[in-house]
Structures are given as C-alpha cells and as structure tokens.
Amino acid sequence: MWTPSALASELHPARGKAWRAVEDQHASATRRLTDTLAEQEVLEEILEESKPPVPAACRRLHYLLQTPFRYDAPHPDGSRFRRRGDRRGVFYASMHMHTALAELAFWRLLFFRVSAAAMMPRNAAVLTLFAVEYRTDQCLDLALPPLDTDRDLWVAPADYADTQDLADMAREAGAEVLRYESARDPERRRNVAILGCDVFAGRQPTSQQTWRLWLDPDGADARRAVGDEPPLIFAREVFARDPRLASP
C-alpha cells in the first residue's frame, strides 16, 4: 500500500523527549545469587560473554539505550515494527511517561494472562522510568495525514504484519524515527520507535524515576515511589481491545 518512495516524501525533522519503562535497574539480580561482591563480578563477566555483542554504533551509549539493539525480536511474532529474526533493533518509547507505564502494565498483565503456570505476584514490581532525548531529519509520523488514513493498521492490538511491512519500507526510505499512536494508552497518546542509535541526542538518559506496579485480575495500579503524584489506574477493560486480554 505504501512504497519507499511515497514514504520518503513524508519524512520530516523531529526532536523531543521519549520515555521508556523497564524492570528495576537499581539493583542487580545476580547479587541475590552470590555470597560476595567478588563472586558477583565473576558471574556478571560470565553472563556478559554469553550475550550478543552490542552493535558498533551503540557502544558509546548507556546500557539502557543499548539494550533494545542488542537482542533479537521477541518470539514468535516479533514486535510491532520488527520481524522475528530481524537483527536490527528498535528502541520503543513513548512521548508521555504515563503512556510508557500503560505499555508496560499491558505487557505484564498479558504475561500472567497467557502463562498458565505463573502466579500473579502479590508484591509490587519496581520499575525504572527513564527519558532520552532524540533528534532526526528523517521522522515518519503515522498519526499525521496522509498516513493516518491507515490508522487501524498501525494500532492493531495483536497483528503486526502490516506495521512490520511498513517498517521495512520506512527503513528503505531512510526513516530513523517512527511516531505512532499507542494501542495501549486510553488517552491515545503517541509512542516513538527509534530505529538506530545515531538518533539519540546524548549518551545517557536525561532523567530517571522509580515507580511501583501492582497487578490483580482487574488491572494494574502504578505509583511513583517518591512524590505525591496520584496513582495511575489501568482497569483491565482499558486493554480489552486486545483479544488476548478480552476475557477474564
């Protein structure tokens, strides 16, 4: 439907801040497996040798920025803009911090929904929410005309065939950043997909926050660890458009 030449005509400069939420990064999980710091260092070295190499263009970056470019796309279907087996990474983030938390809340709920043997945790998961600055001359915004005419394809909750096709053509057209509507945020705010490490304006996150996320069969509850911000409540019905969470 869209050709690389047609997409190239829609590229434009863009810059801004993007937010990404990940599991807690303040304490290493390997510390719980070892008795001393020396043992932990040895274990970390062994683990590092077993991991895929960091792409050359990403080696200057903080590990939080490197990580999405280091590993294969998730199985079995890949991700929204990355096919299974595609070694080219994508840094998925959001233009608003609450959108980033909605995205992570969805994926954690889905994990426990489809994992029959996994018990939903009673304790909160500790999250690191961090921001990065990006800038590019080659941005493609799927929420703007004329690309927004295919909005239903870009925000499909579980079928990524069309967006993966688009990503292949966008890369061929020279796109470095994709902006698109979040399929998880009830406020329909936008996400950012960064397709290469050269897009980051700095080597490190510009800010970090600690949040806690509680799950139950009815949804998710996110609260900032420090501060008086009101909690974010994501009822399961918010994500019910995705068939994988549509039923109890």
C-alpha atoms as a PDB file:
ATOM      1  CA  MET A   1       0.000   0.000   0.000  1.00  0.00           C
ATOM      2  CA  TRP A   2       2.871   2.369   0.820  1.00  0.00           C
ATOM      3  CA  THR A   3       6.076   2.347  -1.220  1.00  0.00           C
ATOM      4  CA  PRO A   4       9.508   3.532  -0.033  1.00  0.00           C
ATOM      5  CA  SER A   5       9.363   6.485  -2.434  1.00  0.00           C
ATOM      6  CA  ALA A   6       5.931   7.510  -1.129  1.00  0.00           C
ATOM      7  CA  LEU A   7       7.139   7.267   2.456  1.00  0.00           C
ATOM      8  CA  ALA A   8      10.306   9.237   1.669  1.00  0.00           C
ATOM      9  CA  SER A   9       8.162  12.195   0.626  1.00  0.00           C
ATOM     10  CA  GLU A  10       6.566  12.226   4.098  1.00  0.00           C
ATOM     11  CA  LEU A  11       9.821  12.343   6.109  1.00  0.00           C
ATOM     12  CA  HIS A  12      10.422  15.450   8.214  1.00  0.00           C
ATOM     13  CA  PRO A  13      12.735  16.669  11.009  1.00  0.00           C
ATOM     14  CA  ALA A  14      11.739  15.854  14.578  1.00  0.00           C
ATOM     15  CA  ARG A  15      13.197  16.088  18.046  1.00  0.00           C
ATOM     16  CA  GLY A  16      11.928  15.572  21.547  1.00  0.00           C
ATOM     17  CA  LYS A  17      11.929  13.539  24.733  1.00  0.00           C
ATOM     18  CA  ALA A  18      10.883   9.897  24.889  1.00  0.00           C
ATOM     19  CA  TRP A  19      10.051   7.827  27.977  1.00  0.00           C
ATOM     20  CA  ARG A  20      10.636   4.103  28.479  1.00  0.00           C
ATOM     21  CA  ALA A  21       9.685   1.915  31.455  1.00  0.00           C
ATOM     22  CA  VAL A  22      11.705  -1.195  32.338  1.00  0.00           C
ATOM     23  CA  GLU A  23      12.195  -3.506  35.273  1.00  0.00           C
ATOM     24  CA  ASP A  24      14.133  -2.023  38.195  1.00  0.00           C
ATOM     25  CA  GLN A  25      17.732  -1.175  37.276  1.00  0.00           C
ATOM     26  CA  HIS A  26      18.935  -0.053  40.711  1.00  0.00           C
ATOM     27  CA  ALA A  27      19.928  -3.488  41.997  1.00  0.00           C
ATOM     28  CA  SER A  28      21.449  -6.343  40.047  1.00  0.00           C
ATOM     29  CA  ALA A  29      19.562  -9.641  40.164  1.00  0.00           C
ATOM     30  CA  THR A  30      22.871 -11.513  40.262  1.00  0.00           C
ATOM     31  CA  ARG A  31      23.609 -10.163  43.759  1.00  0.00           C
ATOM     32  CA  ARG A  32      20.934 -12.459  45.166  1.00  0.00           C
ATOM     33  CA  LEU A  33      22.684 -15.462  43.607  1.00  0.00           C
ATOM     34  CA  THR A  34      26.130 -14.862  45.073  1.00  0.00           C
ATOM     35  CA  ASP A  35      27.652 -14.592  48.542  1.00  0.00           C
ATOM     36  CA  THR A  36      30.220 -11.855  47.875  1.00  0.00           C
ATOM     37  CA  LEU A  37      30.770  -8.910  45.534  1.00  0.00           C
ATOM     38  CA  ALA A  38      33.772 -10.729  44.042  1.00  0.00           C
ATOM     39  CA  GLU A  39      31.578 -13.706  43.140  1.00  0.00           C
ATOM     40  CA  GLN A  40      29.010 -11.363  41.659  1.00  0.00           C
ATOM     41  CA  GLU A  41      31.639  -9.718  39.445  1.00  0.00           C
ATOM     42  CA  VAL A  42      32.722 -13.124  38.124  1.00  0.00           C
ATOM     43  CA  LEU A  43      29.106 -14.092  37.411  1.00  0.00           C
ATOM     44  CA  GLU A  44      28.467 -10.776  35.639  1.00  0.00           C
ATOM     45  CA  GLU A  45      31.541 -11.338  33.440  1.00  0.00           C
ATOM     46  CA  ILE A  46      30.324 -14.830  32.508  1.00  0.00           C
ATOM     47  CA  LEU A  47      26.875 -13.517  31.665  1.00  0.00           C
ATOM     48  CA  GLU A  48      28.307 -10.660  29.609  1.00  0.00           C
ATOM     49  CA  GLU A  49      30.341 -13.090  27.491  1.00  0.00           C
ATOM     50  CA  SER A  50      27.195 -15.122  26.761  1.00  0.00           C
ATOM     51  CA  LYS A  51      25.193 -12.131  25.486  1.00  0.00           C
ATOM     52  CA  PRO A  52      25.029 -10.976  21.856  1.00  0.00           C
ATOM     53  CA  PRO A  53      27.563  -8.240  21.052  1.00  0.00           C
ATOM     54  CA  VAL A  54      26.499  -4.612  21.217  1.00  0.00           C
ATOM     55  CA  PRO A  55      26.289  -3.145  17.685  1.00  0.00           C
ATOM     56  CA  ALA A  56      29.239  -0.872  16.954  1.00  0.00           C
ATOM     57  CA  ALA A  57      27.066   2.228  16.530  1.00  0.00           C
ATOM     58  CA  CYS A  58      25.591   1.705  20.011  1.00  0.00           C
ATOM     59  CA  ARG A  59      28.730   1.035  22.055  1.00  0.00           C
ATOM     60  CA  ARG A  60      29.100   4.680  23.113  1.00  0.00           C
ATOM     61  CA  LEU A  61      25.664   4.626  24.761  1.00  0.00           C
ATOM     62  CA  HIS A  62      24.444   3.861  28.270  1.00  0.00           C
ATOM     63  CA  TYR A  63      23.259   0.250  28.576  1.00  0.00           C
ATOM     64  CA  LEU A  64      19.605   1.329  28.923  1.00  0.00           C
ATOM     65  CA  LEU A  65      19.830   2.793  25.422  1.00  0.00           C
ATOM     66  CA  GLN A  66      21.896  -0.090  24.005  1.00  0.00           C
ATOM     67  CA  THR A  67      19.763  -2.997  25.163  1.00  0.00           C
ATOM     68  CA  PRO A  68      16.922  -2.915  22.569  1.00  0.00           C
ATOM     69  CA  PHE A  69      19.532  -3.051  19.777  1.00  0.00           C
ATOM     70  CA  ARG A  70      21.404  -5.994  21.284  1.00  0.00           C
ATOM     71  CA  TYR A  71      18.830  -8.764  21.298  1.00  0.00           C
ATOM     72  CA  ASP A  72      16.612 -10.499  18.751  1.00  0.00           C
ATOM     73  CA  ALA A  73      12.966  -9.566  18.353  1.00  0.00           C
ATOM     74  CA  PRO A  74      10.676 -11.481  20.729  1.00  0.00           C
ATOM     75  CA  HIS A  75       9.246 -14.801  19.580  1.00  0.00           C
ATOM     76  CA  PRO A  76       7.101 -15.986  17.983  1.00  0.00           C
ATOM     77  CA  ASP A  77       5.763 -12.953  16.122  1.00  0.00           C
ATOM     78  CA  GLY A  78       8.361 -10.248  16.648  1.00  0.00           C
ATOM     79  CA  SER A  79       7.237  -6.785  17.722  1.00  0.00           C
ATOM     80  CA  ARG A  80       5.207  -4.003  16.111  1.00  0.00           C
ATOM     81  CA  PHE A  81       7.983  -2.748  13.833  1.00  0.00           C
ATOM     82  CA  ARG A  82      10.398  -5.678  13.923  1.00  0.00           C
ATOM     83  CA  ARG A  83      10.024  -9.127  12.413  1.00  0.00           C
ATOM     84  CA  ARG A  84      11.047 -12.298  14.149  1.00  0.00           C
ATOM     85  CA  GLY A  85      14.717 -12.888  13.415  1.00  0.00           C
ATOM     86  CA  ASP A  86      15.403  -9.270  12.378  1.00  0.00           C
ATOM     87  CA  ARG A  87      18.715  -8.283  13.972  1.00  0.00           C
ATOM     88  CA  ARG A  88      18.048  -4.564  13.505  1.00  0.00           C
ATOM     89  CA  GLY A  89      16.914  -3.237  16.856  1.00  0.00           C
ATOM     90  CA  VAL A  90      14.084  -0.877  17.714  1.00  0.00           C
ATOM     91  CA  PHE A  91      14.022   1.338  20.807  1.00  0.00           C
ATOM     92  CA  TYR A  92      10.340   1.567  21.757  1.00  0.00           C
ATOM     93  CA  ALA A  93       9.408   4.527  23.921  1.00  0.00           C
ATOM     94  CA  SER A  94       6.559   6.997  24.487  1.00  0.00           C
ATOM     95  CA  MET A  95       6.094  10.731  24.181  1.00  0.00           C
ATOM     96  CA  HIS A  96       4.443  10.844  27.638  1.00  0.00           C
ATOM     97  CA  MET A  97       5.545   8.998  30.779  1.00  0.00           C
ATOM     98  CA  HIS A  98       2.024   7.760  31.502  1.00  0.00           C
ATOM     99  CA  THR A  99       1.913   6.147  28.068  1.00  0.00           C
ATOM    100  CA  ALA A 100       5.153   4.301  28.823  1.00  0.00           C
ATOM    101  CA  LEU A 101       3.622   2.990  32.056  1.00  0.00           C
ATOM    102  CA  ALA A 102       0.427   1.943  30.258  1.00  0.00           C
ATOM    103  CA  GLU A 103       2.505  -0.016  27.756  1.00  0.00           C
ATOM    104  CA  LEU A 104       4.439  -1.856  30.470  1.00  0.00           C
ATOM    105  CA  ALA A 105       1.292  -2.500  32.510  1.00  0.00           C
ATOM    106  CA  PHE A 106      -0.307  -4.134  29.477  1.00  0.00           C
ATOM    107  CA  TRP A 107       2.637  -6.421  28.786  1.00  0.00           C
ATOM    108  CA  ARG A 108       2.919  -7.538  32.403  1.00  0.00           C
ATOM    109  CA  LEU A 109      -0.799  -8.301  32.572  1.00  0.00           C
ATOM    110  CA  LEU A 110      -0.532 -10.219  29.307  1.00  0.00           C
ATOM    111  CA  PHE A 111       2.420 -12.246  30.590  1.00  0.00           C
ATOM    112  CA  PHE A 112       0.431 -13.541  33.552  1.00  0.00           C
ATOM    113  CA  ARG A 113      -2.677 -13.978  31.401  1.00  0.00           C
ATOM    114  CA  VAL A 114      -1.004 -16.349  28.934  1.00  0.00           C
ATOM    115  CA  SER A 115       1.390 -18.075  31.378  1.00  0.00           C
ATOM    116  CA  ALA A 116      -0.732 -20.778  32.949  1.00  0.00           C
ATOM    117  CA  ALA A 117       1.927 -21.745  35.494  1.00  0.00           C
ATOM    118  CA  ALA A 118       2.788 -18.184  36.548  1.00  0.00           C
ATOM    119  CA  MET A 119       1.163 -16.866  39.711  1.00  0.00           C
ATOM    120  CA  MET A 120       0.240 -13.194  39.645  1.00  0.00           C
ATOM    121  CA  PRO A 121       2.564 -11.546  42.204  1.00  0.00           C
ATOM    122  CA  ARG A 122       1.189 -10.083  45.404  1.00  0.00           C
ATOM    123  CA  ASN A 123       4.060  -7.625  45.735  1.00  0.00           C
ATOM    124  CA  ALA A 124       4.665  -4.640  43.508  1.00  0.00           C
ATOM    125  CA  ALA A 125       7.175  -4.758  40.681  1.00  0.00           C
ATOM    126  CA  VAL A 126       9.757  -1.985  40.952  1.00  0.00           C
ATOM    127  CA  LEU A 127      10.172  -0.077  37.685  1.00  0.00           C
ATOM    128  CA  THR A 128      12.716   2.342  36.297  1.00  0.00           C
ATOM    129  CA  LEU A 129      11.113   5.035  34.145  1.00  0.00           C
ATOM    130  CA  PHE A 130      13.700   6.985  32.174  1.00  0.00           C
ATOM    131  CA  ALA A 131      13.774   9.670  29.495  1.00  0.00           C
ATOM    132  CA  VAL A 132      16.024  10.137  26.472  1.00  0.00           C
ATOM    133  CA  GLU A 133      16.417  13.000  24.032  1.00  0.00           C
ATOM    134  CA  TYR A 134      16.331  12.290  20.310  1.00  0.00           C
ATOM    135  CA  ARG A 135      16.630  14.275  17.092  1.00  0.00           C
ATOM    136  CA  THR A 136      16.474  13.363  13.435  1.00  0.00           C
ATOM    137  CA  ASP A 137      15.840  14.799   9.985  1.00  0.00           C
ATOM    138  CA  GLN A 138      14.084  11.578   8.950  1.00  0.00           C
ATOM    139  CA  CYS A 139      10.908  11.090  11.006  1.00  0.00           C
ATOM    140  CA  LEU A 140       7.740   9.403   9.778  1.00  0.00           C
ATOM    141  CA  ASP A 141       4.598  10.228  11.762  1.00  0.00           C
ATOM    142  CA  LEU A 142       1.852   7.658  11.297  1.00  0.00           C
ATOM    143  CA  ALA A 143      -0.632   9.831  13.197  1.00  0.00           C
ATOM    144  CA  LEU A 144      -0.476  12.645  10.625  1.00  0.00           C
ATOM    145  CA  PRO A 145      -2.041  12.852   7.148  1.00  0.00           C
ATOM    146  CA  PRO A 146      -1.813  11.071   4.808  1.00  0.00           C
ATOM    147  CA  LEU A 147      -0.532   8.081   6.829  1.00  0.00           C
ATOM    148  CA  ASP A 148      -3.297   8.396   9.412  1.00  0.00           C
ATOM    149  CA  THR A 149      -5.782   7.092   6.846  1.00  0.00           C
ATOM    150  CA  ASP A 150      -4.475   3.627   7.742  1.00  0.00           C
ATOM    151  CA  ARG A 151      -4.704   4.185  11.495  1.00  0.00           C
ATOM    152  CA  ASP A 152      -6.499   0.877  12.097  1.00  0.00           C
ATOM    153  CA  LEU A 153      -3.497  -0.982  10.675  1.00  0.00           C
ATOM    154  CA  TRP A 154      -0.936   0.965  12.724  1.00  0.00           C
ATOM    155  CA  VAL A 155      -2.740   0.435  16.057  1.00  0.00           C
ATOM    156  CA  ALA A 156      -3.815  -3.181  15.528  1.00  0.00           C
ATOM    157  CA  PRO A 157      -3.553  -4.673  19.026  1.00  0.00           C
ATOM    158  CA  ALA A 158      -2.063  -8.065  18.173  1.00  0.00           C
ATOM    159  CA  ASP A 159      -1.475  -8.398  14.398  1.00  0.00           C
ATOM    160  CA  TYR A 160       1.829  -6.761  13.441  1.00  0.00           C
ATOM    161  CA  ALA A 161       2.039  -7.912   9.812  1.00  0.00           C
ATOM    162  CA  ASP A 162       1.166  -4.504   8.328  1.00  0.00           C
ATOM    163  CA  THR A 163       3.378  -2.489  10.666  1.00  0.00           C
ATOM    164  CA  GLN A 164       6.317  -4.821  10.066  1.00  0.00           C
ATOM    165  CA  ASP A 165       5.851  -4.363   6.311  1.00  0.00           C
ATOM    166  CA  LEU A 166       5.713  -0.612   6.837  1.00  0.00           C
ATOM    167  CA  ALA A 167       8.878  -0.639   8.952  1.00  0.00           C
ATOM    168  CA  ASP A 168      10.805  -2.461   6.223  1.00  0.00           C
ATOM    169  CA  MET A 169       9.738   0.124   3.658  1.00  0.00           C
ATOM    170  CA  ALA A 170      10.328   3.017   6.054  1.00  0.00           C
ATOM    171  CA  ARG A 171      13.911   1.878   6.633  1.00  0.00           C
ATOM    172  CA  GLU A 172      14.406   1.632   2.866  1.00  0.00           C
ATOM    173  CA  ALA A 173      13.070   5.185   2.558  1.00  0.00           C
ATOM    174  CA  GLY A 174      15.637   6.381   5.120  1.00  0.00           C
ATOM    175  CA  ALA A 175      13.384   6.773   8.157  1.00  0.00           C
ATOM    176  CA  GLU A 176      15.149   6.887  11.530  1.00  0.00           C
ATOM    177  CA  VAL A 177      12.160   7.519  13.825  1.00  0.00           C
ATOM    178  CA  LEU A 178       8.528   6.440  13.674  1.00  0.00           C
ATOM    179  CA  ARG A 179       5.882   8.222  15.688  1.00  0.00           C
ATOM    180  CA  TYR A 180       2.567   6.435  16.124  1.00  0.00           C
ATOM    181  CA  GLU A 181      -0.495   6.218  18.347  1.00  0.00           C
ATOM    182  CA  SER A 182      -0.209   3.887  21.311  1.00  0.00           C
ATOM    183  CA  ALA A 183      -2.523   0.880  21.155  1.00  0.00           C
ATOM    184  CA  ARG A 184      -2.481   0.676  24.982  1.00  0.00           C
ATOM    185  CA  ASP A 185      -2.838   4.247  26.268  1.00  0.00           C
ATOM    186  CA  PRO A 186      -6.513   5.069  26.965  1.00  0.00           C
ATOM    187  CA  GLU A 187      -5.702   8.723  26.158  1.00  0.00           C
ATOM    188  CA  ARG A 188      -4.411   7.694  22.684  1.00  0.00           C
ATOM    189  CA  ARG A 189      -1.100   9.489  23.153  1.00  0.00           C
ATOM    190  CA  ARG A 190       1.813   8.638  20.904  1.00  0.00           C
ATOM    191  CA  ASN A 191       4.775   6.324  21.004  1.00  0.00           C
ATOM    192  CA  VAL A 192       8.186   6.664  19.399  1.00  0.00           C
ATOM    193  CA  ALA A 193      10.114   3.893  17.659  1.00  0.00           C
ATOM    194  CA  ILE A 194      13.800   4.772  17.262  1.00  0.00           C
ATOM    195  CA  LEU A 195      15.368   2.674  14.512  1.00  0.00           C
ATOM    196  CA  GLY A 196      19.049   3.441  15.065  1.00  0.00           C
ATOM    197  CA  CYS A 197      21.480   4.500  17.777  1.00  0.00           C
ATOM    198  CA  ASP A 198      22.620   7.643  15.945  1.00  0.00           C
ATOM    199  CA  VAL A 199      19.261   9.262  16.711  1.00  0.00           C
ATOM    200  CA  PHE A 200      19.960   9.694  20.429  1.00  0.00           C
ATOM    201  CA  ALA A 201      20.967  13.257  21.256  1.00  0.00           C
ATOM    202  CA  GLY A 202      23.036  12.150  24.265  1.00  0.00           C
ATOM    203  CA  ARG A 203      24.785   9.074  25.563  1.00  0.00           C
ATOM    204  CA  GLN A 204      22.757   8.698  28.759  1.00  0.00           C
ATOM    205  CA  PRO A 205      19.176   9.049  29.987  1.00  0.00           C
ATOM    206  CA  THR A 206      18.308  12.620  30.855  1.00  0.00           C
ATOM    207  CA  SER A 207      16.273  11.622  33.919  1.00  0.00           C
ATOM    208  CA  GLN A 208      15.109   8.558  35.854  1.00  0.00           C
ATOM    209  CA  GLN A 209      12.231   7.832  38.204  1.00  0.00           C
ATOM    210  CA  THR A 210      11.300   4.820  40.316  1.00  0.00           C
ATOM    211  CA  TRP A 211       7.728   3.533  40.134  1.00  0.00           C
ATOM    212  CA  ARG A 212       5.923   0.542  41.616  1.00  0.00           C
ATOM    213  CA  LEU A 213       3.379  -1.505  39.704  1.00  0.00           C
ATOM    214  CA  TRP A 214       0.753  -3.726  41.343  1.00  0.00           C
ATOM    215  CA  LEU A 215      -1.226  -6.276  39.329  1.00  0.00           C
ATOM    216  CA  ASP A 216      -4.504  -8.029  40.046  1.00  0.00           C
ATOM    217  CA  PRO A 217      -7.100  -9.778  37.873  1.00  0.00           C
ATOM    218  CA  ASP A 218      -8.913  -6.451  37.417  1.00  0.00           C
ATOM    219  CA  GLY A 219      -5.944  -4.470  36.092  1.00  0.00           C
ATOM    220  CA  ALA A 220      -2.845  -2.581  37.205  1.00  0.00           C
ATOM    221  CA  ASP A 221      -2.000   0.223  39.628  1.00  0.00           C
ATOM    222  CA  ALA A 222       1.174   2.308  39.098  1.00  0.00           C
ATOM    223  CA  ARG A 223       2.518   4.659  41.779  1.00  0.00           C
ATOM    224  CA  ARG A 224       5.663   6.740  41.876  1.00  0.00           C
ATOM    225  CA  ALA A 225       7.981   5.691  44.700  1.00  0.00           C
ATOM    226  CA  VAL A 226       8.772   9.279  45.758  1.00  0.00           C
ATOM    227  CA  GLY A 227       6.372  12.180  45.479  1.00  0.00           C
ATOM    228  CA  ASP A 228       2.672  12.852  45.827  1.00  0.00           C
ATOM    229  CA  GLU A 229       1.543  12.195  42.263  1.00  0.00           C
ATOM    230  CA  PRO A 230      -1.842  10.453  42.084  1.00  0.00           C
ATOM    231  CA  PRO A 231      -1.703   6.762  41.157  1.00  0.00           C
ATOM    232  CA  LEU A 232      -2.348   5.596  37.625  1.00  0.00           C
ATOM    233  CA  ILE A 233      -5.111   3.001  37.480  1.00  0.00           C
ATOM    234  CA  PHE A 234      -5.350   0.820  34.384  1.00  0.00           C
ATOM    235  CA  ALA A 235      -8.526  -1.267  34.524  1.00  0.00           C
ATOM    236  CA  ARG A 236      -8.299  -4.485  32.527  1.00  0.00           C
ATOM    237  CA  GLU A 237     -11.143  -3.198  30.331  1.00  0.00           C
ATOM    238  CA  VAL A 238      -8.770  -0.474  29.084  1.00  0.00           C
ATOM    239  CA  PHE A 239      -6.808  -3.184  27.285  1.00  0.00           C
ATOM    240  CA  ALA A 240      -9.780  -5.350  26.287  1.00  0.00           C
ATOM    241  CA  ARG A 241      -9.465  -4.341  22.632  1.00  0.00           C
ATOM    242  CA  ASP A 242      -6.614  -6.820  22.516  1.00  0.00           C
ATOM    243  CA  PRO A 243      -8.201 -10.267  22.149  1.00  0.00           C
ATOM    244  CA  ARG A 244      -5.583 -11.759  24.451  1.00  0.00           C
ATOM    245  CA  LEU A 245      -6.965  -9.754  27.386  1.00  0.00           C
ATOM    246  CA  ALA A 246     -10.581  -9.540  26.271  1.00  0.00           C
ATOM    247  CA  SER A 247     -11.847 -12.299  28.574  1.00  0.00           C
ATOM    248  CA  PRO A 248     -11.276 -12.777  32.330  1.00  0.00           C
END
